[in-house]
């Protein structure tokens, strides 16, 4: 077990924090337990609001680089790029924090403690917050979560750059409408095999400074007052030494939603007594609530000790961030504001966006040849939508480039671009005064005059998101099904009936049912919520100035009817690891404009080493005519029935020019071969292990779509 040790001054910070807490009165302690902690001038403690957001850029704090949404970043399948993005985010965060501090601004969202990443498993495509995650696979989520945490927190031996938070502990992925009273029933096997690995990795490998509890219950116990999960698993088993925060408003849910307590006073005491350190809840910032908590701290000895420990955890975090040291001692205190949303950041953002898009279908129409096109039709409610670029928990970019604008800029005067909104995103008309389907005739006119039509459809974060973030028919953030809303499907049929070639660009944060589209349209590009520079990146991909390399971090099902009940947290029948039917577009799938050929696949040994694992290698050649980056994926199928299908256990990104060949070697540690049993214990079974390396899963649908088989090798144990 690797214990947290963010700096050589860890023990010193904790000792200083404990000494500071020892000088506080009960009233002062009560105030410092709140997310909006007031100043304690006599002790030299400035006010501090703990709530910061940085899911894909510094959020809700003014101008910042808006990178692609988290699910899009996950589609890169690239640990190194993930840390690069997080490092850029934390650089801007420090620059903005330094500027705010200089102005005496200690407001919400202007902190250095960021409640990100969201490492919950995207187990059901209907969940509205799934686009905040890194997808459905625990291995991929773990690897990307660790590197995002490391990018946010930095590698300085003495100070954290920012503090990262793994959320929402321990199992949460909808339904949003029920989260304030929902009880997730999770088996020990599913908990250990699916829901917990990313949290464990973020804590033990990434040294995440913060863990946030979910609103819901886990098997009847409140997540923000679960002593077993917080104290036994998180702290004792995994060695977590940071602080544990409630989700915002979760403590009041104890009595108002879950009915586990009767009063707000009981709720906050229950949370504190069971391991929660920070009370993120508006109610408890009220003077009367803090007075009641102060009295409880004064009169209850057991509570006193727990509060002192909680506050020591909190002030240790602030000291690691350098808040009680001279600015010249902290290398991050000198980061200038001019780095924020700079030209360098914009260039990086566009490159990242290019790497996120996943090419789902291509009959050869892509890449489009500018010189062969006189008129290009662009149709769809997301074509000129800034909202569809950014997802949720976003910042404010100084410039946005929509897909329409990206295409217009890309072709310049070489071709005419005709545009129609086509339809509203979810309503049956674009204006309240018109008749339904009021843009259909315009779509027909655009199609008639165009050589090719680019349809830009999907969702935005008003249709899929967090409970309370939406105000339309998709209430509470979750999707009712996987269908395109409103008249989008009808509009696509109008385009198809015109007989003109059609490329569908999907801007959404989750899987949609695209069976008809896959059958009738020429190409489909999943663009996700591609960030402020997304339109420019997508145009470069469409016209072959960049080569698609993204892979699906989630399964695209054919219909929601294939899925178990949304409220069922059992993994059977869910995700590529447990599903029984063939996917429309499988996890790990993605096409390129070039072709990659694997050869010479080999293992480093015939038998599995229980201590050191095994290596798998193969030669990868770019057999096409365009430079590109291949994603080599390694899957392991263990003997037995604990997990029905092969699971992702290794990734390598391989950059290749036409004709170039490289040898790729991926090490699989012994833990890659463990199977989690019904009791939650991980075992290494005797038998034959199937190990594959290739550009996709080793399963029929993936191989059919990719047009090649995947090498599968065996090792005995």
Foldseek 3Di string as FASTA:
>chain_A
DFAFQLAPCLVVLLVVLLVLLVPDALLQLLQLQAQFRPADVVSPRHTARQEAAQLQATFPQAAFFFFFFQLLLLLLLDLVLLLVRLLLRLLLLLQQLLVCVVVVHRDHNNAQRHADDELAAQFAQQQQALLSASYHALQSRQSSLLSSLCSSQDRDNQAGSGAYEYDAPFHDRDDQVQQLAFEAEDFLQCRQRGGHSNVLSCCRPNVHQEYEHGLHHYPLHGRLQALCCQPVCVCVVSPRLAAYAYDAASLVSCCPHNNVDPDSLVSVLSNLLRGHQHYRYPVCNDPVNSVSSSVCCVPDVSSVVSSSSSSSNVSSNVVSNVVPHDLVVDPSSPSHNQSGLHPVSLVSSLVSLLSSKFWQFAPPCPQPALQVWAEEEEEAQQQPDLQLQRAPSTHDHPFFQGQVNLQCVVNPNSYHYHYDNQAHQAAQHPDPPDDGRVCLVVLLVSLLPTQEYEYEHEHGSQQAHAAPSHDDPSHRRGHPKQARHHCSVVSVVSNLVSVHAYEYEYAASGAHQCPVVNVRHRIYMDSYSRTRHNSNSVSCRNNVVAKHATFRSWFHANISVQADDPSHPDSACTAPFHNDDDTPGHGLAGDIPWAKDKDDWDKPDQAADLAFGIKIKIKIAGQGQAKDKAKKWKWKDEPDVLTPFTGTQWIDIDTYHHGDMDMDMTGGGNQNQWGQDSNNDTDRDFDKMKMWIDSGGQDDVRCVSSVHGIDIDIHGD
